[in-house]
PDB file of N, CA and C in Angstrom:
ATOM      1  N   MET A   1       8.499  12.362 -15.563  1.00  0.00           N
ATOM      2  CA  MET A   1       8.817  10.958 -15.389  1.00  0.00           C
ATOM      3  C   MET A   1       8.314  10.514 -14.017  1.00  0.00           C
ATOM      4  N   ALA A   2       7.745   9.350 -13.950  1.00  0.00           N
ATOM      5  CA  ALA A   2       7.183   8.837 -12.704  1.00  0.00           C
ATOM      6  C   ALA A   2       8.297   8.466 -11.733  1.00  0.00           C
ATOM      7  N   LYS A   3       8.055   8.742 -10.473  1.00  0.00           N
ATOM      8  CA  LYS A   3       9.018   8.404  -9.430  1.00  0.00           C
ATOM      9  C   LYS A   3       8.966   6.903  -9.163  1.00  0.00           C
ATOM     10  N   SER A   4      10.115   6.280  -9.121  1.00  0.00           N
ATOM     11  CA  SER A   4      10.181   4.859  -8.817  1.00  0.00           C
ATOM     12  C   SER A   4      10.190   4.691  -7.302  1.00  0.00           C
ATOM     13  N   ILE A   5       9.260   3.868  -6.790  1.00  0.00           N
ATOM     14  CA  ILE A   5       9.187   3.653  -5.354  1.00  0.00           C
ATOM     15  C   ILE A   5       9.258   2.171  -5.041  1.00  0.00           C
ATOM     16  N   GLY A   6       9.730   1.869  -3.858  1.00  0.00           N
ATOM     17  CA  GLY A   6       9.891   0.479  -3.448  1.00  0.00           C
ATOM     18  C   GLY A   6       8.614  -0.124  -2.905  1.00  0.00           C
ATOM     19  N   VAL A   7       8.655  -1.432  -2.726  1.00  0.00           N
ATOM     20  CA  VAL A   7       7.501  -2.176  -2.232  1.00  0.00           C
ATOM     21  C   VAL A   7       7.084  -1.675  -0.854  1.00  0.00           C
ATOM     22  N   THR A   8       8.052  -1.446   0.019  1.00  0.00           N
ATOM     23  CA  THR A   8       7.694  -0.999   1.368  1.00  0.00           C
ATOM     24  C   THR A   8       7.021   0.362   1.343  1.00  0.00           C
ATOM     25  N   GLU A   9       7.479   1.258   0.465  1.00  0.00           N
ATOM     26  CA  GLU A   9       6.841   2.573   0.354  1.00  0.00           C
ATOM     27  C   GLU A   9       5.421   2.447  -0.166  1.00  0.00           C
ATOM     28  N   VAL A  10       5.221   1.577  -1.136  1.00  0.00           N
ATOM     29  CA  VAL A  10       3.882   1.351  -1.687  1.00  0.00           C
ATOM     30  C   VAL A  10       2.955   0.816  -0.614  1.00  0.00           C
ATOM     31  N   LEU A  11       3.420  -0.185   0.101  1.00  0.00           N
ATOM     32  CA  LEU A  11       2.596  -0.795   1.140  1.00  0.00           C
ATOM     33  C   LEU A  11       2.311   0.176   2.274  1.00  0.00           C
ATOM     34  N   THR A  12       3.322   0.917   2.670  1.00  0.00           N
ATOM     35  CA  THR A  12       3.136   1.901   3.728  1.00  0.00           C
ATOM     36  C   THR A  12       2.115   2.944   3.312  1.00  0.00           C
ATOM     37  N   LEU A  13       2.266   3.454   2.105  1.00  0.00           N
ATOM     38  CA  LEU A  13       1.329   4.446   1.599  1.00  0.00           C
ATOM     39  C   LEU A  13      -0.079   3.878   1.534  1.00  0.00           C
ATOM     40  N   PHE A  14      -0.209   2.697   0.994  1.00  0.00           N
ATOM     41  CA  PHE A  14      -1.536   2.096   0.839  1.00  0.00           C
ATOM     42  C   PHE A  14      -2.221   1.887   2.177  1.00  0.00           C
ATOM     43  N   PHE A  15      -1.531   1.252   3.120  1.00  0.00           N
ATOM     44  CA  PHE A  15      -2.172   0.925   4.381  1.00  0.00           C
ATOM     45  C   PHE A  15      -2.351   2.137   5.282  1.00  0.00           C
ATOM     46  N   SER A  16      -1.441   3.105   5.220  1.00  0.00           N
ATOM     47  CA  SER A  16      -1.633   4.302   6.037  1.00  0.00           C
ATOM     48  C   SER A  16      -2.776   5.147   5.488  1.00  0.00           C
ATOM     49  N   ARG A  17      -2.889   5.223   4.175  1.00  0.00           N
ATOM     50  CA  ARG A  17      -3.977   5.985   3.562  1.00  0.00           C
ATOM     51  C   ARG A  17      -5.306   5.263   3.707  1.00  0.00           C
ATOM     52  N   ARG A  18      -5.268   3.971   3.709  1.00  0.00           N
ATOM     53  CA  ARG A  18      -6.490   3.173   3.800  1.00  0.00           C
ATOM     54  C   ARG A  18      -7.262   3.502   5.072  1.00  0.00           C
ATOM     55  N   LEU A  19      -6.527   3.790   6.137  1.00  0.00           N
ATOM     56  CA  LEU A  19      -7.156   4.077   7.414  1.00  0.00           C
ATOM     57  C   LEU A  19      -7.699   5.497   7.496  1.00  0.00           C
ATOM     58  N   SER A  20      -7.234   6.400   6.631  1.00  0.00           N
ATOM     59  CA  SER A  20      -7.635   7.799   6.745  1.00  0.00           C
ATOM     60  C   SER A  20      -8.328   8.321   5.481  1.00  0.00           C
ATOM     61  N   LEU A  21      -9.023   7.484   4.769  1.00  0.00           N
ATOM     62  CA  LEU A  21      -9.642   7.882   3.507  1.00  0.00           C
ATOM     63  C   LEU A  21     -11.052   8.440   3.649  1.00  0.00           C
ATOM     64  N   HIS A  22     -11.595   8.410   4.806  1.00  0.00           N
ATOM     65  CA  HIS A  22     -12.977   8.830   4.973  1.00  0.00           C
ATOM     66  C   HIS A  22     -13.139  10.298   4.597  1.00  0.00           C
ATOM     67  N   GLY A  23     -13.987  10.552   3.601  1.00  0.00           N
ATOM     68  CA  GLY A  23     -14.322  11.911   3.244  1.00  0.00           C
ATOM     69  C   GLY A  23     -13.386  12.620   2.288  1.00  0.00           C
ATOM     70  N   ARG A  24     -12.466  11.947   1.668  1.00  0.00           N
ATOM     71  CA  ARG A  24     -11.604  12.625   0.694  1.00  0.00           C
ATOM     72  C   ARG A  24     -11.329  11.722  -0.495  1.00  0.00           C
ATOM     73  N   ARG A  25     -11.009  12.354  -1.605  1.00  0.00           N
ATOM     74  CA  ARG A  25     -10.715  11.611  -2.830  1.00  0.00           C
ATOM     75  C   ARG A  25      -9.253  11.192  -2.846  1.00  0.00           C
ATOM     76  N   LEU A  26      -8.986  10.099  -3.552  1.00  0.00           N
ATOM     77  CA  LEU A  26      -7.612   9.627  -3.703  1.00  0.00           C
ATOM     78  C   LEU A  26      -6.890  10.450  -4.758  1.00  0.00           C
ATOM     79  N   SER A  27      -5.591  10.639  -4.551  1.00  0.00           N
ATOM     80  CA  SER A  27      -4.773  11.284  -5.580  1.00  0.00           C
ATOM     81  C   SER A  27      -4.585  10.293  -6.727  1.00  0.00           C
ATOM     82  N   SER A  28      -4.074  10.764  -7.834  1.00  0.00           N
ATOM     83  CA  SER A  28      -3.863   9.864  -8.976  1.00  0.00           C
ATOM     84  C   SER A  28      -2.835   8.783  -8.642  1.00  0.00           C
ATOM     85  N   ASP A  29      -1.810   9.134  -7.869  1.00  0.00           N
ATOM     86  CA  ASP A  29      -0.809   8.140  -7.458  1.00  0.00           C
ATOM     87  C   ASP A  29      -1.434   7.078  -6.556  1.00  0.00           C
ATOM     88  N   GLU A  30      -2.266   7.520  -5.622  1.00  0.00           N
ATOM     89  CA  GLU A  30      -2.918   6.577  -4.725  1.00  0.00           C
ATOM     90  C   GLU A  30      -3.877   5.669  -5.484  1.00  0.00           C
ATOM     91  N   THR A  31      -4.577   6.231  -6.440  1.00  0.00           N
ATOM     92  CA  THR A  31      -5.492   5.441  -7.265  1.00  0.00           C
ATOM     93  C   THR A  31      -4.725   4.379  -8.043  1.00  0.00           C
ATOM     94  N   GLN A  32      -3.593   4.766  -8.593  1.00  0.00           N
ATOM     95  CA  GLN A  32      -2.766   3.826  -9.351  1.00  0.00           C
ATOM     96  C   GLN A  32      -2.247   2.699  -8.442  1.00  0.00           C
ATOM     97  N   LEU A  33      -1.795   3.052  -7.238  1.00  0.00           N
ATOM     98  CA  LEU A  33      -1.310   2.027  -6.304  1.00  0.00           C
ATOM     99  C   LEU A  33      -2.432   1.077  -5.901  1.00  0.00           C
ATOM    100  N   LEU A  34      -3.611   1.616  -5.688  1.00  0.00           N
ATOM    101  CA  LEU A  34      -4.746   0.780  -5.324  1.00  0.00           C
ATOM    102  C   LEU A  34      -5.122  -0.172  -6.452  1.00  0.00           C
ATOM    103  N   GLU A  35      -5.077   0.315  -7.689  1.00  0.00           N
ATOM    104  CA  GLU A  35      -5.362  -0.546  -8.841  1.00  0.00           C
ATOM    105  C   GLU A  35      -4.333  -1.667  -8.954  1.00  0.00           C
ATOM    106  N   GLN A  36      -3.073  -1.328  -8.722  1.00  0.00           N
ATOM    107  CA  GLN A  36      -2.027  -2.347  -8.789  1.00  0.00           C
ATOM    108  C   GLN A  36      -2.212  -3.382  -7.687  1.00  0.00           C
ATOM    109  N   TYR A  37      -2.587  -2.932  -6.504  1.00  0.00           N
ATOM    110  CA  TYR A  37      -2.827  -3.862  -5.399  1.00  0.00           C
ATOM    111  C   TYR A  37      -4.000  -4.781  -5.722  1.00  0.00           C
ATOM    112  N   ARG A  38      -5.062  -4.226  -6.250  1.00  0.00           N
ATOM    113  CA  ARG A  38      -6.247  -5.025  -6.579  1.00  0.00           C
ATOM    114  C   ARG A  38      -5.982  -6.001  -7.716  1.00  0.00           C
ATOM    115  N   ALA A  39      -4.988  -5.714  -8.558  1.00  0.00           N
ATOM    116  CA  ALA A  39      -4.652  -6.593  -9.677  1.00  0.00           C
ATOM    117  C   ALA A  39      -3.885  -7.835  -9.210  1.00  0.00           C
ATOM    118  N   LEU A  40      -3.379  -7.803  -7.978  1.00  0.00           N
ATOM    119  CA  LEU A  40      -2.646  -8.947  -7.452  1.00  0.00           C
ATOM    120  C   LEU A  40      -3.603 -10.102  -7.176  1.00  0.00           C
ATOM    121  N   THR A  41      -3.050 -11.292  -7.183  1.00  0.00           N
ATOM    122  CA  THR A  41      -3.863 -12.453  -6.813  1.00  0.00           C
ATOM    123  C   THR A  41      -4.173 -12.369  -5.314  1.00  0.00           C
ATOM    124  N   GLU A  42      -5.166 -13.106  -4.901  1.00  0.00           N
ATOM    125  CA  GLU A  42      -5.543 -13.093  -3.479  1.00  0.00           C
ATOM    126  C   GLU A  42      -4.379 -13.548  -2.600  1.00  0.00           C
ATOM    127  N   ASN A  43      -3.648 -14.538  -3.056  1.00  0.00           N
ATOM    128  CA  ASN A  43      -2.491 -15.023  -2.290  1.00  0.00           C
ATOM    129  C   ASN A  43      -1.422 -13.948  -2.153  1.00  0.00           C
ATOM    130  N   ASP A  44      -1.183 -13.187  -3.219  1.00  0.00           N
ATOM    131  CA  ASP A  44      -0.203 -12.107  -3.161  1.00  0.00           C
ATOM    132  C   ASP A  44      -0.660 -10.997  -2.219  1.00  0.00           C
ATOM    133  N   GLN A  45      -1.963 -10.696  -2.219  1.00  0.00           N
ATOM    134  CA  GLN A  45      -2.479  -9.679  -1.303  1.00  0.00           C
ATOM    135  C   GLN A  45      -2.296 -10.117   0.145  1.00  0.00           C
ATOM    136  N   VAL A  46      -2.566 -11.383   0.419  1.00  0.00           N
ATOM    137  CA  VAL A  46      -2.379 -11.914   1.769  1.00  0.00           C
ATOM    138  C   VAL A  46      -0.912 -11.843   2.156  1.00  0.00           C
ATOM    139  N   ALA A  47      -0.037 -12.215   1.237  1.00  0.00           N
ATOM    140  CA  ALA A  47       1.395 -12.166   1.503  1.00  0.00           C
ATOM    141  C   ALA A  47       1.846 -10.738   1.795  1.00  0.00           C
ATOM    142  N   MET A  48       1.310  -9.771   1.078  1.00  0.00           N
ATOM    143  CA  MET A  48       1.672  -8.372   1.317  1.00  0.00           C
ATOM    144  C   MET A  48       1.195  -7.916   2.693  1.00  0.00           C
ATOM    145  N   ARG A  49       0.018  -8.330   3.101  1.00  0.00           N
ATOM    146  CA  ARG A  49      -0.480  -7.964   4.432  1.00  0.00           C
ATOM    147  C   ARG A  49       0.412  -8.567   5.527  1.00  0.00           C
ATOM    148  N   TYR A  50       0.841  -9.816   5.346  1.00  0.00           N
ATOM    149  CA  TYR A  50       1.761 -10.425   6.311  1.00  0.00           C
ATOM    150  C   TYR A  50       3.101  -9.691   6.321  1.00  0.00           C
ATOM    151  N   LEU A  51       3.581  -9.298   5.155  1.00  0.00           N
ATOM    152  CA  LEU A  51       4.838  -8.559   5.070  1.00  0.00           C
ATOM    153  C   LEU A  51       4.749  -7.240   5.822  1.00  0.00           C
ATOM    154  N   ILE A  52       3.655  -6.523   5.638  1.00  0.00           N
ATOM    155  CA  ILE A  52       3.465  -5.257   6.349  1.00  0.00           C
ATOM    156  C   ILE A  52       3.423  -5.489   7.851  1.00  0.00           C
ATOM    157  N   GLY A  53       2.717  -6.521   8.276  1.00  0.00           N
ATOM    158  CA  GLY A  53       2.660  -6.843   9.700  1.00  0.00           C
ATOM    159  C   GLY A  53       4.037  -7.134  10.272  1.00  0.00           C
ATOM    160  N   ALA A  54       4.836  -7.871   9.535  1.00  0.00           N
ATOM    161  CA  ALA A  54       6.192  -8.192   9.982  1.00  0.00           C
ATOM    162  C   ALA A  54       7.062  -6.942  10.029  1.00  0.00           C
ATOM    163  N   MET A  55       6.925  -6.086   9.028  1.00  0.00           N
ATOM    164  CA  MET A  55       7.720  -4.858   8.988  1.00  0.00           C
ATOM    165  C   MET A  55       7.329  -3.917  10.123  1.00  0.00           C
ATOM    166  N   LYS A  56       6.045  -3.841  10.435  1.00  0.00           N
ATOM    167  CA  LYS A  56       5.606  -2.984  11.542  1.00  0.00           C
ATOM    168  C   LYS A  56       6.141  -3.488  12.875  1.00  0.00           C
ATOM    169  N   SER A  57       6.290  -4.785  13.001  1.00  0.00           N
ATOM    170  CA  SER A  57       6.760  -5.332  14.279  1.00  0.00           C
ATOM    171  C   SER A  57       8.252  -5.100  14.495  1.00  0.00           C
ATOM    172  N   ILE A  58       9.001  -4.835  13.426  1.00  0.00           N
ATOM    173  CA  ILE A  58      10.444  -4.639  13.595  1.00  0.00           C
ATOM    174  C   ILE A  58      10.912  -3.209  13.365  1.00  0.00           C
ATOM    175  N   SER A  59      10.032  -2.334  12.884  1.00  0.00           N
ATOM    176  CA  SER A  59      10.454  -0.952  12.671  1.00  0.00           C
ATOM    177  C   SER A  59       9.286  -0.010  12.898  1.00  0.00           C
ATOM    178  N   ARG A  60       9.614   1.255  13.027  1.00  0.00           N
ATOM    179  CA  ARG A  60       8.571   2.267  13.202  1.00  0.00           C
ATOM    180  C   ARG A  60       8.260   2.899  11.869  1.00  0.00           C
ATOM    181  N   PHE A  61       6.985   2.926  11.500  1.00  0.00           N
ATOM    182  CA  PHE A  61       6.555   3.590  10.266  1.00  0.00           C
ATOM    183  C   PHE A  61       6.083   4.976  10.594  1.00  0.00           C
TER     184      PHE A  61
END
């Protein structure tokens, strides 16, 4: 059964992995998260980036 994860975990995983992807393949979970992110509308993607920025400013990831 697939593990249920929250929005913050998804965003944290996506953006932290995004910076360190050079030279390695994505896991199946990472590929699935990336597909889900790409399926969002442009406005939703922008909103998620702002959310991550706000979360980084108030907590340590």
